Amino acid sequence: MLWIINGRLLQGKKVKFLKLFTLISSLIALNANASDLTLPECEMEKKLETEVHLFISEDVLSEYSKDFVAAKVSSWLAYSNLALANSCIPMTRKLTHIEYVSEIDSLWFQDVDLAKKLLQASLDREIPALDTHGVPVFKGIVFGNWTHSFKSQWCGVASNSSYLFTIALNCADYTMEHEIGHLSGASHDIKTLKTHDPNFEIDAHLLGSYPKGERYAFGKICSGRGTIMSYEDDIIPAYSSPNMTVNGERCGDDQFANNAKALVKFARQYLEK
């Protein structure tokens, strides 16, 4: 991975390499075990465009060029829109604001809700909660390295009180959509939640989620692969759904594992306004 930190003479090559790498990664993600992966068939319908605003620490420019950052962010958006399309969710992501902020400190990564307050104070202006159509704007605070996150365990964190998340530039491409998934009503898979908390209880978990989740809105691990809200090493670019299978095993169920239904509900509540 030396290409990430080489000097200016290689910056153009780095961006081209990243774009090629992103394309190859997306194809691999979609086509891994392709003969055994069956995606749901989607109906044609109007899609909700959701804005993404990113506020990036200026510190990242000591390691990466702005071109590299732009290419990396483009790979996040491409993965998001691929996952939404694969899941038949009538929604798209669009980056409408990107801003470098000198005051952002890596310590902000330790508390996402405090980070929002500090960002607001640093900008000295209101950060829009909704777009001009009344749709929530997803806002991300971007750091250079995920090891600056809380206890160096998390690559991204979603707020429990607003449509804001933190993310590191060196996170996997699916991380942004994973965090926005939380902010749209999707939860991790139950296996992961029980691993992190032996006392995990569904109703208690849902009470603490933002926005409040549904009992069916958990991720799924199927045939050794995880949907986007899981913590598996092999991630399928799609949300859990009983209409998707891997090796004949359903990647969801109507009772506890239908992230796609949660995001469809999120989209339609604004499309129908």
C-alpha atoms as a PDB file:
ATOM      1  CA  MET A   1       0.000   0.000   0.000  1.00  0.00           C
ATOM      2  CA  LEU A   2       2.983   2.330  -0.429  1.00  0.00           C
ATOM      3  CA  TRP A   3       1.149   4.091  -3.243  1.00  0.00           C
ATOM      4  CA  ILE A   4      -0.999   5.802  -0.623  1.00  0.00           C
ATOM      5  CA  ILE A   5       1.888   7.755   0.855  1.00  0.00           C
ATOM      6  CA  ASN A   6       4.326   8.287  -2.020  1.00  0.00           C
ATOM      7  CA  GLY A   7       5.216  11.859  -3.045  1.00  0.00           C
ATOM      8  CA  ARG A   8       3.716  14.354  -5.445  1.00  0.00           C
ATOM      9  CA  LEU A   9       5.250  12.888  -8.577  1.00  0.00           C
ATOM     10  CA  LEU A  10       3.069   9.819  -8.205  1.00  0.00           C
ATOM     11  CA  GLN A  11      -0.160  11.558  -7.233  1.00  0.00           C
ATOM     12  CA  GLY A  12      -1.696  11.375 -10.709  1.00  0.00           C
ATOM     13  CA  LYS A  13      -0.833   7.705 -10.951  1.00  0.00           C
ATOM     14  CA  LYS A  14      -2.269   7.132  -7.479  1.00  0.00           C
ATOM     15  CA  VAL A  15      -5.630   8.577  -8.472  1.00  0.00           C
ATOM     16  CA  LYS A  16      -5.749   6.529 -11.693  1.00  0.00           C
ATOM     17  CA  PHE A  17      -4.741   3.430  -9.744  1.00  0.00           C
ATOM     18  CA  LEU A  18      -7.409   4.079  -7.121  1.00  0.00           C
ATOM     19  CA  LYS A  19     -10.104   4.473  -9.775  1.00  0.00           C
ATOM     20  CA  LEU A  20      -9.020   1.230 -11.419  1.00  0.00           C
ATOM     21  CA  PHE A  21      -8.761  -0.472  -8.028  1.00  0.00           C
ATOM     22  CA  THR A  22     -12.247   0.760  -7.098  1.00  0.00           C
ATOM     23  CA  LEU A  23     -13.714  -0.596 -10.335  1.00  0.00           C
ATOM     24  CA  ILE A  24     -12.001  -3.941  -9.880  1.00  0.00           C
ATOM     25  CA  SER A  25     -13.056  -4.101  -6.207  1.00  0.00           C
ATOM     26  CA  SER A  26     -16.688  -3.386  -7.107  1.00  0.00           C
ATOM     27  CA  LEU A  27     -16.667  -6.067  -9.790  1.00  0.00           C
ATOM     28  CA  ILE A  28     -15.093  -8.551  -7.394  1.00  0.00           C
ATOM     29  CA  ALA A  29     -17.611  -7.666  -4.672  1.00  0.00           C
ATOM     30  CA  LEU A  30     -20.515  -8.117  -7.055  1.00  0.00           C
ATOM     31  CA  ASN A  31     -19.206 -11.168  -8.862  1.00  0.00           C
ATOM     32  CA  ALA A  32     -17.556 -13.147  -6.063  1.00  0.00           C
ATOM     33  CA  ASN A  33     -19.429 -16.442  -6.083  1.00  0.00           C
ATOM     34  CA  ALA A  34     -21.591 -14.789  -8.750  1.00  0.00           C
ATOM     35  CA  SER A  35     -23.029 -18.099  -9.946  1.00  0.00           C
ATOM     36  CA  ASP A  36     -24.285 -18.690  -6.389  1.00  0.00           C
ATOM     37  CA  LEU A  37     -25.523 -15.153  -5.682  1.00  0.00           C
ATOM     38  CA  THR A  38     -29.108 -14.327  -6.656  1.00  0.00           C
ATOM     39  CA  LEU A  39     -30.192 -10.703  -6.285  1.00  0.00           C
ATOM     40  CA  PRO A  40     -33.842  -9.636  -6.086  1.00  0.00           C
ATOM     41  CA  GLU A  41     -35.640  -8.450  -9.222  1.00  0.00           C
ATOM     42  CA  CYS A  42     -36.496  -4.761  -8.962  1.00  0.00           C
ATOM     43  CA  GLU A  43     -39.580  -2.916 -10.146  1.00  0.00           C
ATOM     44  CA  MET A  44     -39.131   0.406 -11.913  1.00  0.00           C
ATOM     45  CA  GLU A  45     -40.032   3.272  -9.602  1.00  0.00           C
ATOM     46  CA  LYS A  46     -39.058   6.830  -8.770  1.00  0.00           C
ATOM     47  CA  LYS A  47     -35.927   7.128  -6.617  1.00  0.00           C
ATOM     48  CA  LEU A  48     -35.227   9.416  -3.681  1.00  0.00           C
ATOM     49  CA  GLU A  49     -31.984  11.374  -4.094  1.00  0.00           C
ATOM     50  CA  THR A  50     -30.250  11.806  -0.727  1.00  0.00           C
ATOM     51  CA  GLU A  51     -27.570  14.429  -0.236  1.00  0.00           C
ATOM     52  CA  VAL A  52     -24.237  13.667   1.430  1.00  0.00           C
ATOM     53  CA  HIS A  53     -22.149  16.494   2.923  1.00  0.00           C
ATOM     54  CA  LEU A  54     -18.573  15.711   3.951  1.00  0.00           C
ATOM     55  CA  PHE A  55     -16.402  17.776   6.274  1.00  0.00           C
ATOM     56  CA  ILE A  56     -12.791  16.661   6.006  1.00  0.00           C
ATOM     57  CA  SER A  57      -9.940  17.306   8.388  1.00  0.00           C
ATOM     58  CA  GLU A  58      -7.239  19.401   6.715  1.00  0.00           C
ATOM     59  CA  ASP A  59      -4.714  17.112   8.391  1.00  0.00           C
ATOM     60  CA  VAL A  60      -5.389  14.461   5.736  1.00  0.00           C
ATOM     61  CA  LEU A  61      -3.631  16.678   3.179  1.00  0.00           C
ATOM     62  CA  SER A  62      -0.306  15.994   4.876  1.00  0.00           C
ATOM     63  CA  GLU A  63      -0.666  12.401   3.652  1.00  0.00           C
ATOM     64  CA  TYR A  64      -3.050  12.485   0.682  1.00  0.00           C
ATOM     65  CA  SER A  65      -3.666  14.847  -2.243  1.00  0.00           C
ATOM     66  CA  LYS A  66      -7.083  16.443  -2.796  1.00  0.00           C
ATOM     67  CA  ASP A  67      -7.364  14.440  -6.011  1.00  0.00           C
ATOM     68  CA  PHE A  68      -6.820  11.232  -4.082  1.00  0.00           C
ATOM     69  CA  VAL A  69      -9.430  12.229  -1.485  1.00  0.00           C
ATOM     70  CA  ALA A  70     -11.930  13.041  -4.241  1.00  0.00           C
ATOM     71  CA  ALA A  71     -11.319   9.684  -5.897  1.00  0.00           C
ATOM     72  CA  LYS A  72     -11.706   7.843  -2.592  1.00  0.00           C
ATOM     73  CA  VAL A  73     -14.972   9.619  -1.823  1.00  0.00           C
ATOM     74  CA  SER A  74     -16.197   8.773  -5.333  1.00  0.00           C
ATOM     75  CA  SER A  75     -15.524   5.097  -4.589  1.00  0.00           C
ATOM     76  CA  TRP A  76     -17.637   5.362  -1.422  1.00  0.00           C
ATOM     77  CA  LEU A  77     -20.532   6.863  -3.383  1.00  0.00           C
ATOM     78  CA  ALA A  78     -20.223   4.262  -6.134  1.00  0.00           C
ATOM     79  CA  TYR A  79     -20.392   1.459  -3.570  1.00  0.00           C
ATOM     80  CA  SER A  80     -23.417   3.061  -1.881  1.00  0.00           C
ATOM     81  CA  ASN A  81     -25.353   3.342  -5.122  1.00  0.00           C
ATOM     82  CA  LEU A  82     -24.374  -0.194  -6.142  1.00  0.00           C
ATOM     83  CA  ALA A  83     -25.635  -1.595  -2.820  1.00  0.00           C
ATOM     84  CA  LEU A  84     -28.896   0.370  -3.050  1.00  0.00           C
ATOM     85  CA  ALA A  85     -29.506  -0.785  -6.629  1.00  0.00           C
ATOM     86  CA  ASN A  86     -28.689  -4.418  -5.794  1.00  0.00           C
ATOM     87  CA  SER A  87     -31.199  -4.250  -2.926  1.00  0.00           C
ATOM     88  CA  CYS A  88     -34.066  -2.712  -4.947  1.00  0.00           C
ATOM     89  CA  ILE A  89     -34.079   0.319  -2.648  1.00  0.00           C
ATOM     90  CA  PRO A  90     -35.546   3.365  -4.466  1.00  0.00           C
ATOM     91  CA  MET A  91     -32.827   5.703  -3.318  1.00  0.00           C
ATOM     92  CA  THR A  92     -29.503   7.166  -4.487  1.00  0.00           C
ATOM     93  CA  ARG A  93     -26.643   9.038  -2.812  1.00  0.00           C
ATOM     94  CA  LYS A  94     -25.226  12.278  -4.203  1.00  0.00           C
ATOM     95  CA  LEU A  95     -22.305  14.279  -2.816  1.00  0.00           C
ATOM     96  CA  THR A  96     -23.439  17.910  -2.827  1.00  0.00           C
ATOM     97  CA  HIS A  97     -20.955  19.488  -0.407  1.00  0.00           C
ATOM     98  CA  ILE A  98     -17.331  18.792   0.492  1.00  0.00           C
ATOM     99  CA  GLU A  99     -15.325  21.077   2.755  1.00  0.00           C
ATOM    100  CA  TYR A 100     -11.912  20.962   4.395  1.00  0.00           C
ATOM    101  CA  VAL A 101     -11.961  22.168   7.997  1.00  0.00           C
ATOM    102  CA  SER A 102      -8.748  23.061   9.821  1.00  0.00           C
ATOM    103  CA  GLU A 103     -10.272  22.826  13.299  1.00  0.00           C
ATOM    104  CA  ILE A 104     -11.230  19.146  13.017  1.00  0.00           C
ATOM    105  CA  ASP A 105      -9.102  17.129  15.426  1.00  0.00           C
ATOM    106  CA  SER A 106      -8.649  13.351  15.457  1.00  0.00           C
ATOM    107  CA  LEU A 107      -9.874  13.310  19.069  1.00  0.00           C
ATOM    108  CA  TRP A 108     -13.333  14.180  17.726  1.00  0.00           C
ATOM    109  CA  PHE A 109     -13.517  10.623  16.428  1.00  0.00           C
ATOM    110  CA  GLN A 110     -14.014   9.414  19.997  1.00  0.00           C
ATOM    111  CA  ASP A 111     -17.515  10.902  20.374  1.00  0.00           C
ATOM    112  CA  VAL A 112     -19.638  11.421  17.282  1.00  0.00           C
ATOM    113  CA  ASP A 113     -22.269  13.604  18.965  1.00  0.00           C
ATOM    114  CA  LEU A 114     -19.630  15.837  20.547  1.00  0.00           C
ATOM    115  CA  ALA A 115     -17.950  16.007  17.127  1.00  0.00           C
ATOM    116  CA  LYS A 116     -21.154  17.452  15.682  1.00  0.00           C
ATOM    117  CA  LYS A 117     -21.216  20.215  18.301  1.00  0.00           C
ATOM    118  CA  LEU A 118     -17.541  21.022  17.763  1.00  0.00           C
ATOM    119  CA  LEU A 119     -18.004  21.120  13.993  1.00  0.00           C
ATOM    120  CA  GLN A 120     -20.977  23.450  14.362  1.00  0.00           C
ATOM    121  CA  ALA A 121     -18.943  25.770  16.593  1.00  0.00           C
ATOM    122  CA  SER A 122     -15.962  25.697  14.214  1.00  0.00           C
ATOM    123  CA  LEU A 123     -18.014  26.584  11.143  1.00  0.00           C
ATOM    124  CA  ASP A 124     -19.993  29.269  12.974  1.00  0.00           C
ATOM    125  CA  ARG A 125     -23.023  28.572  10.807  1.00  0.00           C
ATOM    126  CA  GLU A 126     -25.953  26.216  10.728  1.00  0.00           C
ATOM    127  CA  ILE A 127     -25.339  22.776   9.242  1.00  0.00           C
ATOM    128  CA  PRO A 128     -28.466  21.857   7.252  1.00  0.00           C
ATOM    129  CA  ALA A 129     -30.481  19.016   8.691  1.00  0.00           C
ATOM    130  CA  LEU A 130     -32.765  18.759   5.635  1.00  0.00           C
ATOM    131  CA  ASP A 131     -32.460  19.558   1.945  1.00  0.00           C
ATOM    132  CA  THR A 132     -34.819  21.911   0.116  1.00  0.00           C
ATOM    133  CA  HIS A 133     -37.361  19.076  -0.260  1.00  0.00           C
ATOM    134  CA  GLY A 134     -37.377  18.188   3.434  1.00  0.00           C
ATOM    135  CA  VAL A 135     -35.232  15.054   3.021  1.00  0.00           C
ATOM    136  CA  PRO A 136     -32.542  14.396   5.664  1.00  0.00           C
ATOM    137  CA  VAL A 137     -28.996  15.360   4.657  1.00  0.00           C
ATOM    138  CA  PHE A 138     -26.398  12.772   5.702  1.00  0.00           C
ATOM    139  CA  LYS A 139     -23.318  14.513   7.057  1.00  0.00           C
ATOM    140  CA  GLY A 140     -19.917  12.895   7.542  1.00  0.00           C
ATOM    141  CA  ILE A 141     -16.841  14.090   9.434  1.00  0.00           C
ATOM    142  CA  VAL A 142     -13.809  12.548   7.740  1.00  0.00           C
ATOM    143  CA  PHE A 143     -10.469  11.762   9.389  1.00  0.00           C
ATOM    144  CA  GLY A 144      -7.310  10.364   7.865  1.00  0.00           C
ATOM    145  CA  ASN A 145      -6.853   7.165   9.849  1.00  0.00           C
ATOM    146  CA  TRP A 146      -9.347   4.837  11.540  1.00  0.00           C
ATOM    147  CA  THR A 147      -6.866   4.080  14.363  1.00  0.00           C
ATOM    148  CA  HIS A 148      -7.755   7.523  15.724  1.00  0.00           C
ATOM    149  CA  SER A 149     -11.270   6.267  16.412  1.00  0.00           C
ATOM    150  CA  PHE A 150     -12.592   5.266  19.805  1.00  0.00           C
ATOM    151  CA  LYS A 151     -10.224   2.654  21.260  1.00  0.00           C
ATOM    152  CA  SER A 152      -9.041   2.094  17.661  1.00  0.00           C
ATOM    153  CA  GLN A 153     -11.888  -0.383  17.111  1.00  0.00           C
ATOM    154  CA  TRP A 154     -14.309   1.362  14.776  1.00  0.00           C
ATOM    155  CA  CYS A 155     -13.752   2.564  11.214  1.00  0.00           C
ATOM    156  CA  GLY A 156     -16.930   4.619  11.278  1.00  0.00           C
ATOM    157  CA  VAL A 157     -19.560   5.613  13.831  1.00  0.00           C
ATOM    158  CA  ALA A 158     -23.164   6.775  13.330  1.00  0.00           C
ATOM    159  CA  SER A 159     -24.815   9.272  15.654  1.00  0.00           C
ATOM    160  CA  ASN A 160     -27.584   8.239  18.035  1.00  0.00           C
ATOM    161  CA  SER A 161     -29.262  11.628  17.789  1.00  0.00           C
ATOM    162  CA  SER A 162     -28.817  13.085  14.284  1.00  0.00           C
ATOM    163  CA  TYR A 163     -28.080  12.229  10.650  1.00  0.00           C
ATOM    164  CA  LEU A 164     -24.317  12.476  11.143  1.00  0.00           C
ATOM    165  CA  PHE A 165     -21.488   9.956  11.068  1.00  0.00           C
ATOM    166  CA  THR A 166     -17.720   9.885  11.391  1.00  0.00           C
ATOM    167  CA  ILE A 167     -15.487   7.928   9.032  1.00  0.00           C
ATOM    168  CA  ALA A 168     -11.791   7.551   8.249  1.00  0.00           C
ATOM    169  CA  LEU A 169     -10.337   7.930   4.795  1.00  0.00           C
ATOM    170  CA  ASN A 170      -8.596   4.546   5.026  1.00  0.00           C
ATOM    171  CA  CYS A 171     -11.830   2.662   5.767  1.00  0.00           C
ATOM    172  CA  ALA A 172     -13.260   0.084   3.366  1.00  0.00           C
ATOM    173  CA  ASP A 173     -15.479   1.469   0.603  1.00  0.00           C
ATOM    174  CA  TYR A 174     -18.656  -0.007   2.116  1.00  0.00           C
ATOM    175  CA  THR A 175     -18.172   1.849   5.441  1.00  0.00           C
ATOM    176  CA  MET A 176     -19.995   5.040   4.466  1.00  0.00           C
ATOM    177  CA  GLU A 177     -23.084   3.155   3.298  1.00  0.00           C
ATOM    178  CA  HIS A 178     -22.932   1.015   6.449  1.00  0.00           C
ATOM    179  CA  GLU A 179     -23.096   4.154   8.615  1.00  0.00           C
ATOM    180  CA  ILE A 180     -25.800   5.799   6.497  1.00  0.00           C
ATOM    181  CA  GLY A 181     -27.657   2.485   6.734  1.00  0.00           C
ATOM    182  CA  HIS A 182     -27.752   2.939  10.515  1.00  0.00           C
ATOM    183  CA  LEU A 183     -29.113   6.461  10.030  1.00  0.00           C
ATOM    184  CA  SER A 184     -31.846   5.062   7.777  1.00  0.00           C
ATOM    185  CA  GLY A 185     -33.076   2.452  10.265  1.00  0.00           C
ATOM    186  CA  ALA A 186     -30.802  -0.552   9.596  1.00  0.00           C
ATOM    187  CA  SER A 187     -29.075  -2.537  12.355  1.00  0.00           C
ATOM    188  CA  HIS A 188     -26.134  -4.947  12.461  1.00  0.00           C
ATOM    189  CA  ASP A 189     -26.745  -8.663  12.141  1.00  0.00           C
ATOM    190  CA  ILE A 190     -27.840 -10.315  15.382  1.00  0.00           C
ATOM    191  CA  LYS A 191     -24.792 -12.609  15.516  1.00  0.00           C
ATOM    192  CA  THR A 192     -22.468  -9.580  15.609  1.00  0.00           C
ATOM    193  CA  LEU A 193     -24.571  -7.806  18.221  1.00  0.00           C
ATOM    194  CA  LYS A 194     -24.555 -10.854  20.488  1.00  0.00           C
ATOM    195  CA  THR A 195     -20.784 -11.224  20.062  1.00  0.00           C
ATOM    196  CA  HIS A 196     -20.222  -7.661  21.261  1.00  0.00           C
ATOM    197  CA  ASP A 197     -22.861  -7.865  23.990  1.00  0.00           C
ATOM    198  CA  PRO A 198     -23.692 -11.282  25.510  1.00  0.00           C
ATOM    199  CA  ASN A 199     -26.720  -9.637  27.168  1.00  0.00           C
ATOM    200  CA  PHE A 200     -28.063  -8.314  23.870  1.00  0.00           C
ATOM    201  CA  GLU A 201     -31.850  -7.991  23.791  1.00  0.00           C
ATOM    202  CA  ILE A 202     -33.696  -6.879  20.666  1.00  0.00           C
ATOM    203  CA  ASP A 203     -36.239  -4.481  22.212  1.00  0.00           C
ATOM    204  CA  ALA A 204     -33.624  -2.730  24.361  1.00  0.00           C
ATOM    205  CA  HIS A 205     -31.376  -2.362  21.317  1.00  0.00           C
ATOM    206  CA  LEU A 206     -34.143  -0.823  19.222  1.00  0.00           C
ATOM    207  CA  LEU A 207     -34.950   1.753  21.912  1.00  0.00           C
ATOM    208  CA  GLY A 208     -31.378   3.045  21.708  1.00  0.00           C
ATOM    209  CA  SER A 209     -31.195   3.272  17.902  1.00  0.00           C
ATOM    210  CA  TYR A 210     -31.568   6.414  15.775  1.00  0.00           C
ATOM    211  CA  PRO A 211     -33.887   6.585  14.074  1.00  0.00           C
ATOM    212  CA  LYS A 212     -35.843   3.987  16.025  1.00  0.00           C
ATOM    213  CA  GLY A 213     -35.415   0.648  14.287  1.00  0.00           C
ATOM    214  CA  GLU A 214     -37.872  -2.115  13.526  1.00  0.00           C
ATOM    215  CA  ARG A 215     -37.626  -5.726  14.713  1.00  0.00           C
ATOM    216  CA  TYR A 216     -37.155  -6.938  11.144  1.00  0.00           C
ATOM    217  CA  ALA A 217     -34.348  -4.448  10.347  1.00  0.00           C
ATOM    218  CA  PHE A 218     -31.225  -6.514  11.144  1.00  0.00           C
ATOM    219  CA  GLY A 219     -28.443  -7.651   8.847  1.00  0.00           C
ATOM    220  CA  LYS A 220     -27.725 -11.233   7.883  1.00  0.00           C
ATOM    221  CA  ILE A 221     -24.851 -13.663   7.421  1.00  0.00           C
ATOM    222  CA  CYS A 222     -25.536 -16.218   4.713  1.00  0.00           C
ATOM    223  CA  SER A 223     -23.294 -19.026   3.520  1.00  0.00           C
ATOM    224  CA  GLY A 224     -20.281 -17.408   5.183  1.00  0.00           C
ATOM    225  CA  ARG A 225     -20.834 -13.978   3.624  1.00  0.00           C
ATOM    226  CA  GLY A 226     -22.295 -10.898   5.251  1.00  0.00           C
ATOM    227  CA  THR A 227     -24.696  -8.262   3.986  1.00  0.00           C
ATOM    228  CA  ILE A 228     -23.577  -4.654   4.249  1.00  0.00           C
ATOM    229  CA  MET A 229     -24.642  -4.169   7.879  1.00  0.00           C
ATOM    230  CA  SER A 230     -22.624  -7.170   9.091  1.00  0.00           C
ATOM    231  CA  TYR A 231     -19.012  -7.305  10.283  1.00  0.00           C
ATOM    232  CA  GLU A 232     -17.974 -10.222   8.097  1.00  0.00           C
ATOM    233  CA  ASP A 233     -14.755 -10.098   6.058  1.00  0.00           C
ATOM    234  CA  ASP A 234     -16.612 -11.000   2.861  1.00  0.00           C
ATOM    235  CA  ILE A 235     -19.281  -8.347   2.349  1.00  0.00           C
ATOM    236  CA  ILE A 236     -22.037  -8.580  -0.259  1.00  0.00           C
ATOM    237  CA  PRO A 237     -22.825  -5.108  -1.701  1.00  0.00           C
ATOM    238  CA  ALA A 238     -26.462  -5.361  -0.690  1.00  0.00           C
ATOM    239  CA  TYR A 239     -28.763  -5.092   2.310  1.00  0.00           C
ATOM    240  CA  SER A 240     -30.265  -8.178   3.920  1.00  0.00           C
ATOM    241  CA  SER A 241     -33.420  -9.393   2.207  1.00  0.00           C
ATOM    242  CA  PRO A 242     -35.356 -12.661   2.021  1.00  0.00           C
ATOM    243  CA  ASN A 243     -35.381 -12.123  -1.758  1.00  0.00           C
ATOM    244  CA  MET A 244     -31.600 -12.594  -2.058  1.00  0.00           C
ATOM    245  CA  THR A 245     -29.749 -15.910  -1.788  1.00  0.00           C
ATOM    246  CA  VAL A 246     -26.160 -17.162  -1.641  1.00  0.00           C
ATOM    247  CA  ASN A 247     -25.558 -20.836  -2.387  1.00  0.00           C
ATOM    248  CA  GLY A 248     -29.301 -21.362  -2.031  1.00  0.00           C
ATOM    249  CA  GLU A 249     -29.346 -19.832   1.471  1.00  0.00           C
ATOM    250  CA  ARG A 250     -31.583 -16.826   1.968  1.00  0.00           C
ATOM    251  CA  CYS A 251     -29.788 -13.620   3.001  1.00  0.00           C
ATOM    252  CA  GLY A 252     -32.659 -12.445   5.145  1.00  0.00           C
ATOM    253  CA  ASP A 253     -36.075 -13.215   6.566  1.00  0.00           C
ATOM    254  CA  ASP A 254     -39.262 -11.287   7.223  1.00  0.00           C
ATOM    255  CA  GLN A 255     -39.019 -11.549  11.000  1.00  0.00           C
ATOM    256  CA  PHE A 256     -35.494 -10.417  11.935  1.00  0.00           C
ATOM    257  CA  ALA A 257     -33.336  -9.798   8.839  1.00  0.00           C
ATOM    258  CA  ASN A 258     -34.720  -7.409   6.261  1.00  0.00           C
ATOM    259  CA  ASN A 259     -32.551  -4.272   6.172  1.00  0.00           C
ATOM    260  CA  ALA A 260     -33.767  -3.606   2.633  1.00  0.00           C
ATOM    261  CA  LYS A 261     -37.365  -3.251   3.849  1.00  0.00           C
ATOM    262  CA  ALA A 262     -36.240  -0.663   6.425  1.00  0.00           C
ATOM    263  CA  LEU A 263     -34.495   1.466   3.783  1.00  0.00           C
ATOM    264  CA  VAL A 264     -37.397   1.143   1.346  1.00  0.00           C
ATOM    265  CA  LYS A 265     -39.662   2.420   4.128  1.00  0.00           C
ATOM    266  CA  PHE A 266     -37.260   5.329   4.748  1.00  0.00           C
ATOM    267  CA  ALA A 267     -37.261   6.270   1.055  1.00  0.00           C
ATOM    268  CA  ARG A 268     -40.989   6.034   0.538  1.00  0.00           C
ATOM    269  CA  GLN A 269     -41.890   8.196   3.497  1.00  0.00           C
ATOM    270  CA  TYR A 270     -40.209  11.100   1.675  1.00  0.00           C
ATOM    271  CA  LEU A 271     -41.153  10.098  -1.873  1.00  0.00           C
ATOM    272  CA  GLU A 272     -44.821  10.101  -0.895  1.00  0.00           C
ATOM    273  CA  LYS A 273     -44.778  13.605   0.587  1.00  0.00           C
END
